[in-house]
Amino acid sequence: MELFLDSANLEEIRFWSERLSIDGVTTNPTLIAREGIRPGEVVPKIFEIIGQDKLVHVQVLAQDSAGMIKEAYQLRSWHEQVVVKIPLTLEGLQAIKALRASGIRTTATGIVTAPQGLLAAKAGADYVAPYVNRIESTSGDGIQVVADLVKLFQLHGLPTKVLAASFRNSRQILQVLLAGAPSITINPELLPALVDHPLTEGCVESFIHNYRQRFGTDSLE
């Protein structure tokens, strides 16, 4: 399983990369704009934090295929481990196909249906990113879209990975993993909910209390 942090906040990335074995970071124009740091500045800093061998997914801004391809080369010039995020449109499909021929890795982003993801995989995308919560917020079934894509790629021998994205809660994260998603990207705001639990905290406090009551100290010596 691959685990990515969905953030452009350097402090968040540093905090969680020190605690989790992450495979990289995903960003988008909204996340980068929120931090007020241009992509050319923030991407190298992310690599400095997480390691030069990890992956950082960075999205193009152009909406036509020629512009997407040009920006993809620009993004890859910053670091060879950049994966270029391309929106799934007709222009995006053309760009993904051309970039595959040039050896540039891509993530088809903004996926909301299984057919979109299948076409992106056929065009040569390395990853497809279904937006789970956005699908469910419009009365769709985001978990099923992920499950369908996982099955389709297995049935047809496609090497593309499903990079499940856009979660509202920990339940959705668990469900996409049970559905077989090989890659997920999580907003750091959701991570504490996956770690913290009052029962765990209660057990720890009980252990310490019992030890302190018997020995009169917290020291192991």
C-alpha atoms as a PDB file:
ATOM      1  CA  MET A   1       0.000   0.000   0.000  1.00  0.00           C
ATOM      2  CA  GLU A   2       1.212   3.472  -0.869  1.00  0.00           C
ATOM      3  CA  LEU A   3       0.413   6.320   1.500  1.00  0.00           C
ATOM      4  CA  PHE A   4       0.597   9.946   0.382  1.00  0.00           C
ATOM      5  CA  LEU A   5      -0.013  13.154   2.309  1.00  0.00           C
ATOM      6  CA  ASP A   6      -2.411  15.504   0.536  1.00  0.00           C
ATOM      7  CA  SER A   7      -0.881  18.835   1.519  1.00  0.00           C
ATOM      8  CA  ALA A   8       1.375  21.700   0.513  1.00  0.00           C
ATOM      9  CA  ASN A   9       1.920  22.818   4.109  1.00  0.00           C
ATOM     10  CA  LEU A  10       5.579  22.220   4.890  1.00  0.00           C
ATOM     11  CA  GLU A  11       5.113  21.989   8.650  1.00  0.00           C
ATOM     12  CA  GLU A  12       2.321  19.434   8.290  1.00  0.00           C
ATOM     13  CA  ILE A  13       4.418  17.410   5.886  1.00  0.00           C
ATOM     14  CA  ARG A  14       7.431  17.520   8.208  1.00  0.00           C
ATOM     15  CA  PHE A  15       5.358  16.550  11.267  1.00  0.00           C
ATOM     16  CA  TRP A  16       3.707  13.526   9.684  1.00  0.00           C
ATOM     17  CA  SER A  17       6.677  12.333   7.646  1.00  0.00           C
ATOM     18  CA  GLU A  18       8.580  12.035  10.931  1.00  0.00           C
ATOM     19  CA  ARG A  19       5.848   9.750  12.281  1.00  0.00           C
ATOM     20  CA  LEU A  20       4.634   7.790   9.254  1.00  0.00           C
ATOM     21  CA  SER A  21       6.348   5.845   6.520  1.00  0.00           C
ATOM     22  CA  ILE A  22       4.916   7.844   3.624  1.00  0.00           C
ATOM     23  CA  ASP A  23       5.531   7.268  -0.068  1.00  0.00           C
ATOM     24  CA  GLY A  24       5.202  10.891  -1.049  1.00  0.00           C
ATOM     25  CA  VAL A  25       2.960  13.931  -1.229  1.00  0.00           C
ATOM     26  CA  THR A  26       0.096  14.989  -3.464  1.00  0.00           C
ATOM     27  CA  THR A  27      -0.698  18.640  -4.100  1.00  0.00           C
ATOM     28  CA  ASN A  28      -3.148  20.625  -6.166  1.00  0.00           C
ATOM     29  CA  PRO A  29      -3.456  24.306  -7.118  1.00  0.00           C
ATOM     30  CA  THR A  30      -5.884  24.986  -4.239  1.00  0.00           C
ATOM     31  CA  LEU A  31      -3.532  23.536  -1.606  1.00  0.00           C
ATOM     32  CA  ILE A  32      -0.576  25.460  -3.006  1.00  0.00           C
ATOM     33  CA  ALA A  33      -2.527  28.728  -3.236  1.00  0.00           C
ATOM     34  CA  ARG A  34      -3.630  28.287   0.386  1.00  0.00           C
ATOM     35  CA  GLU A  35       0.014  28.297   1.495  1.00  0.00           C
ATOM     36  CA  GLY A  36       0.930  31.298  -0.671  1.00  0.00           C
ATOM     37  CA  ILE A  37       4.058  29.591  -2.016  1.00  0.00           C
ATOM     38  CA  ARG A  38       4.543  29.124  -5.760  1.00  0.00           C
ATOM     39  CA  PRO A  39       4.980  25.528  -6.984  1.00  0.00           C
ATOM     40  CA  GLY A  40       8.558  26.083  -8.109  1.00  0.00           C
ATOM     41  CA  GLU A  41       9.489  27.004  -4.550  1.00  0.00           C
ATOM     42  CA  VAL A  42       7.401  24.555  -2.530  1.00  0.00           C
ATOM     43  CA  VAL A  43       8.091  21.366  -4.519  1.00  0.00           C
ATOM     44  CA  PRO A  44      11.876  21.306  -3.924  1.00  0.00           C
ATOM     45  CA  LYS A  45      11.258  22.017  -0.229  1.00  0.00           C
ATOM     46  CA  ILE A  46       8.856  19.078  -0.018  1.00  0.00           C
ATOM     47  CA  PHE A  47      11.528  16.779  -1.436  1.00  0.00           C
ATOM     48  CA  GLU A  48      14.016  18.111   1.107  1.00  0.00           C
ATOM     49  CA  ILE A  49      11.626  17.059   3.882  1.00  0.00           C
ATOM     50  CA  ILE A  50      10.404  13.666   2.663  1.00  0.00           C
ATOM     51  CA  GLY A  51      13.489  12.476   0.785  1.00  0.00           C
ATOM     52  CA  GLN A  52      14.633  12.625  -2.810  1.00  0.00           C
ATOM     53  CA  ASP A  53      13.416   9.094  -3.597  1.00  0.00           C
ATOM     54  CA  LYS A  54       9.750   9.776  -2.790  1.00  0.00           C
ATOM     55  CA  LEU A  55       7.057  10.958  -5.224  1.00  0.00           C
ATOM     56  CA  VAL A  56       5.422  14.372  -5.356  1.00  0.00           C
ATOM     57  CA  HIS A  57       2.290  14.742  -7.496  1.00  0.00           C
ATOM     58  CA  VAL A  58       1.948  18.263  -8.920  1.00  0.00           C
ATOM     59  CA  GLN A  59      -0.911  19.493 -11.115  1.00  0.00           C
ATOM     60  CA  VAL A  60      -0.787  21.476 -14.342  1.00  0.00           C
ATOM     61  CA  LEU A  61      -2.868  24.624 -14.771  1.00  0.00           C
ATOM     62  CA  ALA A  62      -3.245  24.585 -18.558  1.00  0.00           C
ATOM     63  CA  GLN A  63      -6.524  23.332 -20.012  1.00  0.00           C
ATOM     64  CA  ASP A  64      -5.384  22.475 -23.524  1.00  0.00           C
ATOM     65  CA  SER A  65      -3.212  19.464 -24.305  1.00  0.00           C
ATOM     66  CA  ALA A  66      -0.305  21.461 -25.717  1.00  0.00           C
ATOM     67  CA  GLY A  67      -0.206  23.638 -22.613  1.00  0.00           C
ATOM     68  CA  MET A  68      -0.483  20.617 -20.320  1.00  0.00           C
ATOM     69  CA  ILE A  69       2.442  18.930 -22.051  1.00  0.00           C
ATOM     70  CA  LYS A  70       4.559  22.080 -21.856  1.00  0.00           C
ATOM     71  CA  GLU A  71       3.832  22.506 -18.144  1.00  0.00           C
ATOM     72  CA  ALA A  72       4.511  18.812 -17.536  1.00  0.00           C
ATOM     73  CA  TYR A  73       8.040  19.219 -18.866  1.00  0.00           C
ATOM     74  CA  GLN A  74       8.476  22.271 -16.660  1.00  0.00           C
ATOM     75  CA  LEU A  75       7.313  20.366 -13.576  1.00  0.00           C
ATOM     76  CA  ARG A  76       9.578  17.421 -14.334  1.00  0.00           C
ATOM     77  CA  SER A  77      12.550  19.776 -14.738  1.00  0.00           C
ATOM     78  CA  TRP A  78      12.277  20.540 -11.008  1.00  0.00           C
ATOM     79  CA  HIS A  79      12.758  16.902  -9.990  1.00  0.00           C
ATOM     80  CA  GLU A  80      12.699  13.519 -11.730  1.00  0.00           C
ATOM     81  CA  GLN A  81      10.370  12.127  -9.033  1.00  0.00           C
ATOM     82  CA  VAL A  82       7.574  14.567  -9.868  1.00  0.00           C
ATOM     83  CA  VAL A  83       4.409  12.858 -11.093  1.00  0.00           C
ATOM     84  CA  VAL A  84       2.367  15.237 -13.235  1.00  0.00           C
ATOM     85  CA  LYS A  85      -1.321  15.496 -12.390  1.00  0.00           C
ATOM     86  CA  ILE A  86      -3.510  15.913 -15.471  1.00  0.00           C
ATOM     87  CA  PRO A  87      -7.267  16.624 -15.221  1.00  0.00           C
ATOM     88  CA  LEU A  88      -9.375  13.960 -16.922  1.00  0.00           C
ATOM     89  CA  THR A  89     -10.766  15.757 -19.959  1.00  0.00           C
ATOM     90  CA  LEU A  90     -10.453  15.049 -23.680  1.00  0.00           C
ATOM     91  CA  GLU A  91      -7.475  17.412 -23.754  1.00  0.00           C
ATOM     92  CA  GLY A  92      -6.125  15.688 -20.668  1.00  0.00           C
ATOM     93  CA  LEU A  93      -6.337  12.258 -22.283  1.00  0.00           C
ATOM     94  CA  GLN A  94      -4.349  13.520 -25.254  1.00  0.00           C
ATOM     95  CA  ALA A  95      -1.709  14.957 -22.934  1.00  0.00           C
ATOM     96  CA  ILE A  96      -1.494  11.745 -20.866  1.00  0.00           C
ATOM     97  CA  LYS A  97      -0.969   9.666 -24.013  1.00  0.00           C
ATOM     98  CA  ALA A  98       1.768  11.986 -25.290  1.00  0.00           C
ATOM     99  CA  LEU A  99       3.514  12.168 -21.928  1.00  0.00           C
ATOM    100  CA  ARG A 100       3.477   8.375 -21.603  1.00  0.00           C
ATOM    101  CA  ALA A 101       5.321   8.162 -24.927  1.00  0.00           C
ATOM    102  CA  SER A 102       7.881  10.618 -23.538  1.00  0.00           C
ATOM    103  CA  GLY A 103       8.392   8.640 -20.331  1.00  0.00           C
ATOM    104  CA  ILE A 104       6.817  11.224 -18.020  1.00  0.00           C
ATOM    105  CA  ARG A 105       4.700   9.738 -15.237  1.00  0.00           C
ATOM    106  CA  THR A 106       1.170  11.086 -14.845  1.00  0.00           C
ATOM    107  CA  THR A 107      -1.798  10.957 -12.506  1.00  0.00           C
ATOM    108  CA  ALA A 108      -5.230  11.422 -14.038  1.00  0.00           C
ATOM    109  CA  THR A 109      -7.014  13.589 -11.497  1.00  0.00           C
ATOM    110  CA  GLY A 110     -10.610  14.598 -10.909  1.00  0.00           C
ATOM    111  CA  ILE A 111     -11.915  11.094 -11.647  1.00  0.00           C
ATOM    112  CA  VAL A 112     -15.583  10.663 -10.708  1.00  0.00           C
ATOM    113  CA  THR A 113     -16.597   7.589 -12.759  1.00  0.00           C
ATOM    114  CA  ALA A 114     -15.027   4.216 -13.458  1.00  0.00           C
ATOM    115  CA  PRO A 115     -15.131   4.695 -17.269  1.00  0.00           C
ATOM    116  CA  GLN A 116     -13.092   7.900 -16.885  1.00  0.00           C
ATOM    117  CA  GLY A 117     -10.469   6.029 -14.905  1.00  0.00           C
ATOM    118  CA  LEU A 118     -10.390   3.150 -17.378  1.00  0.00           C
ATOM    119  CA  LEU A 119      -9.828   5.483 -20.334  1.00  0.00           C
ATOM    120  CA  ALA A 120      -7.087   7.307 -18.440  1.00  0.00           C
ATOM    121  CA  ALA A 121      -5.366   3.994 -17.717  1.00  0.00           C
ATOM    122  CA  LYS A 122      -5.626   2.973 -21.351  1.00  0.00           C
ATOM    123  CA  ALA A 123      -4.088   6.308 -22.358  1.00  0.00           C
ATOM    124  CA  GLY A 124      -1.107   5.494 -20.141  1.00  0.00           C
ATOM    125  CA  ALA A 125      -1.693   7.179 -16.781  1.00  0.00           C
ATOM    126  CA  ASP A 126       0.419   5.742 -13.972  1.00  0.00           C
ATOM    127  CA  TYR A 127      -2.228   6.661 -11.399  1.00  0.00           C
ATOM    128  CA  VAL A 128      -5.902   7.578 -11.476  1.00  0.00           C
ATOM    129  CA  ALA A 129      -7.311   9.601  -8.591  1.00  0.00           C
ATOM    130  CA  PRO A 130     -11.034   9.048  -7.915  1.00  0.00           C
ATOM    131  CA  TYR A 131     -12.462  11.751  -5.632  1.00  0.00           C
ATOM    132  CA  VAL A 132     -14.362   9.606  -3.160  1.00  0.00           C
ATOM    133  CA  ASN A 133     -16.135  12.226  -1.051  1.00  0.00           C
ATOM    134  CA  ARG A 134     -16.898  14.504  -3.981  1.00  0.00           C
ATOM    135  CA  ILE A 135     -18.604  11.581  -5.689  1.00  0.00           C
ATOM    136  CA  GLU A 136     -20.608  10.781  -2.566  1.00  0.00           C
ATOM    137  CA  SER A 137     -21.566  14.425  -2.027  1.00  0.00           C
ATOM    138  CA  THR A 138     -23.462  14.273  -5.328  1.00  0.00           C
ATOM    139  CA  SER A 139     -25.321  11.073  -4.347  1.00  0.00           C
ATOM    140  CA  GLY A 140     -22.820   8.791  -6.057  1.00  0.00           C
ATOM    141  CA  ASP A 141     -20.945   5.840  -4.577  1.00  0.00           C
ATOM    142  CA  GLY A 142     -17.301   6.795  -4.320  1.00  0.00           C
ATOM    143  CA  ILE A 143     -16.297   3.538  -2.666  1.00  0.00           C
ATOM    144  CA  GLN A 144     -17.860   1.542  -5.500  1.00  0.00           C
ATOM    145  CA  VAL A 145     -16.041   3.624  -8.110  1.00  0.00           C
ATOM    146  CA  VAL A 146     -12.760   2.723  -6.411  1.00  0.00           C
ATOM    147  CA  ALA A 147     -13.729  -0.958  -6.195  1.00  0.00           C
ATOM    148  CA  ASP A 148     -14.766  -0.991  -9.875  1.00  0.00           C
ATOM    149  CA  LEU A 149     -11.481   0.567 -10.982  1.00  0.00           C
ATOM    150  CA  VAL A 150      -9.422  -1.889  -8.946  1.00  0.00           C
ATOM    151  CA  LYS A 151     -11.324  -4.796 -10.517  1.00  0.00           C
ATOM    152  CA  LEU A 152     -11.173  -3.361 -14.051  1.00  0.00           C
ATOM    153  CA  PHE A 153      -7.420  -2.891 -13.888  1.00  0.00           C
ATOM    154  CA  GLN A 154      -6.944  -6.430 -12.602  1.00  0.00           C
ATOM    155  CA  LEU A 155      -9.264  -7.954 -15.222  1.00  0.00           C
ATOM    156  CA  HIS A 156      -7.613  -6.184 -18.129  1.00  0.00           C
ATOM    157  CA  GLY A 157      -4.012  -6.349 -16.958  1.00  0.00           C
ATOM    158  CA  LEU A 158      -3.541  -2.592 -16.694  1.00  0.00           C
ATOM    159  CA  PRO A 159      -0.574  -1.480 -14.559  1.00  0.00           C
ATOM    160  CA  THR A 160      -2.222   1.801 -13.508  1.00  0.00           C
ATOM    161  CA  LYS A 161      -2.687   2.301  -9.767  1.00  0.00           C
ATOM    162  CA  VAL A 162      -5.849   3.608  -8.146  1.00  0.00           C
ATOM    163  CA  LEU A 163      -4.871   6.572  -5.966  1.00  0.00           C
ATOM    164  CA  ALA A 164      -7.992   7.083  -3.857  1.00  0.00           C
ATOM    165  CA  ALA A 165      -8.440  10.721  -2.807  1.00  0.00           C
ATOM    166  CA  SER A 166     -10.876  13.191  -1.254  1.00  0.00           C
ATOM    167  CA  PHE A 167     -12.052  11.785   2.074  1.00  0.00           C
ATOM    168  CA  ARG A 168     -14.417  13.197   4.678  1.00  0.00           C
ATOM    169  CA  ASN A 169     -13.771  10.667   7.443  1.00  0.00           C
ATOM    170  CA  SER A 170     -11.782   7.603   8.489  1.00  0.00           C
ATOM    171  CA  ARG A 171     -14.619   5.262   7.492  1.00  0.00           C
ATOM    172  CA  GLN A 172     -14.186   6.162   3.836  1.00  0.00           C
ATOM    173  CA  ILE A 173     -10.442   5.593   4.091  1.00  0.00           C
ATOM    174  CA  LEU A 174     -10.920   2.121   5.555  1.00  0.00           C
ATOM    175  CA  GLN A 175     -13.539   1.215   2.946  1.00  0.00           C
ATOM    176  CA  VAL A 176     -11.375   2.102  -0.051  1.00  0.00           C
ATOM    177  CA  LEU A 177      -8.510   0.076   1.402  1.00  0.00           C
ATOM    178  CA  LEU A 178     -10.854  -2.889   1.892  1.00  0.00           C
ATOM    179  CA  ALA A 179     -11.943  -2.371  -1.715  1.00  0.00           C
ATOM    180  CA  GLY A 180      -8.341  -2.971  -2.740  1.00  0.00           C
ATOM    181  CA  ALA A 181      -7.063   0.534  -3.468  1.00  0.00           C
ATOM    182  CA  PRO A 182      -3.258   0.172  -3.677  1.00  0.00           C
ATOM    183  CA  SER A 183      -2.638   3.883  -3.063  1.00  0.00           C
ATOM    184  CA  ILE A 184      -4.357   6.543  -0.970  1.00  0.00           C
ATOM    185  CA  THR A 185      -3.730  10.199  -0.269  1.00  0.00           C
ATOM    186  CA  ILE A 186      -4.954  11.660   3.007  1.00  0.00           C
ATOM    187  CA  ASN A 187      -5.345  15.221   4.192  1.00  0.00           C
ATOM    188  CA  PRO A 188      -3.294  15.488   7.412  1.00  0.00           C
ATOM    189  CA  GLU A 189      -6.355  16.868   9.206  1.00  0.00           C
ATOM    190  CA  LEU A 190      -7.856  13.357   9.087  1.00  0.00           C
ATOM    191  CA  LEU A 191      -4.795  11.519  10.378  1.00  0.00           C
ATOM    192  CA  PRO A 192      -5.344  12.127  14.128  1.00  0.00           C
ATOM    193  CA  ALA A 193      -8.706  10.360  13.835  1.00  0.00           C
ATOM    194  CA  LEU A 194      -6.883   7.286  12.543  1.00  0.00           C
ATOM    195  CA  VAL A 195      -4.424   7.322  15.446  1.00  0.00           C
ATOM    196  CA  ASP A 196      -6.154   8.601  18.571  1.00  0.00           C
ATOM    197  CA  HIS A 197      -8.698   6.587  20.553  1.00  0.00           C
ATOM    198  CA  PRO A 198      -9.849   7.080  24.161  1.00  0.00           C
ATOM    199  CA  LEU A 199      -9.626   3.346  24.903  1.00  0.00           C
ATOM    200  CA  THR A 200      -5.953   3.299  23.918  1.00  0.00           C
ATOM    201  CA  GLU A 201      -5.296   6.357  26.045  1.00  0.00           C
ATOM    202  CA  GLY A 202      -7.116   4.710  28.958  1.00  0.00           C
ATOM    203  CA  CYS A 203      -5.013   1.556  28.688  1.00  0.00           C
ATOM    204  CA  VAL A 204      -1.784   3.558  28.712  1.00  0.00           C
ATOM    205  CA  GLU A 205      -2.852   5.576  31.735  1.00  0.00           C
ATOM    206  CA  SER A 206      -3.833   2.380  33.563  1.00  0.00           C
ATOM    207  CA  PHE A 207      -0.459   0.744  32.872  1.00  0.00           C
ATOM    208  CA  ILE A 208       1.430   3.791  34.141  1.00  0.00           C
ATOM    209  CA  HIS A 209      -0.799   4.120  37.203  1.00  0.00           C
ATOM    210  CA  ASN A 210      -0.274   0.475  38.169  1.00  0.00           C
ATOM    211  CA  TYR A 211       3.489   0.703  37.712  1.00  0.00           C
ATOM    212  CA  ARG A 212       3.721   3.943  39.684  1.00  0.00           C
ATOM    213  CA  GLN A 213       1.572   2.513  42.499  1.00  0.00           C
ATOM    214  CA  ARG A 214       3.811  -0.527  42.836  1.00  0.00           C
ATOM    215  CA  PHE A 215       7.228   1.138  42.536  1.00  0.00           C
ATOM    216  CA  GLY A 216       6.489   4.758  43.462  1.00  0.00           C
ATOM    217  CA  THR A 217       8.188   6.043  40.319  1.00  0.00           C
ATOM    218  CA  ASP A 218       7.851   6.339  36.545  1.00  0.00           C
ATOM    219  CA  SER A 219      11.482   5.348  36.022  1.00  0.00           C
ATOM    220  CA  LEU A 220      12.342   2.017  34.398  1.00  0.00           C
ATOM    221  CA  GLU A 221      15.574   1.763  36.437  1.00  0.00           C
END
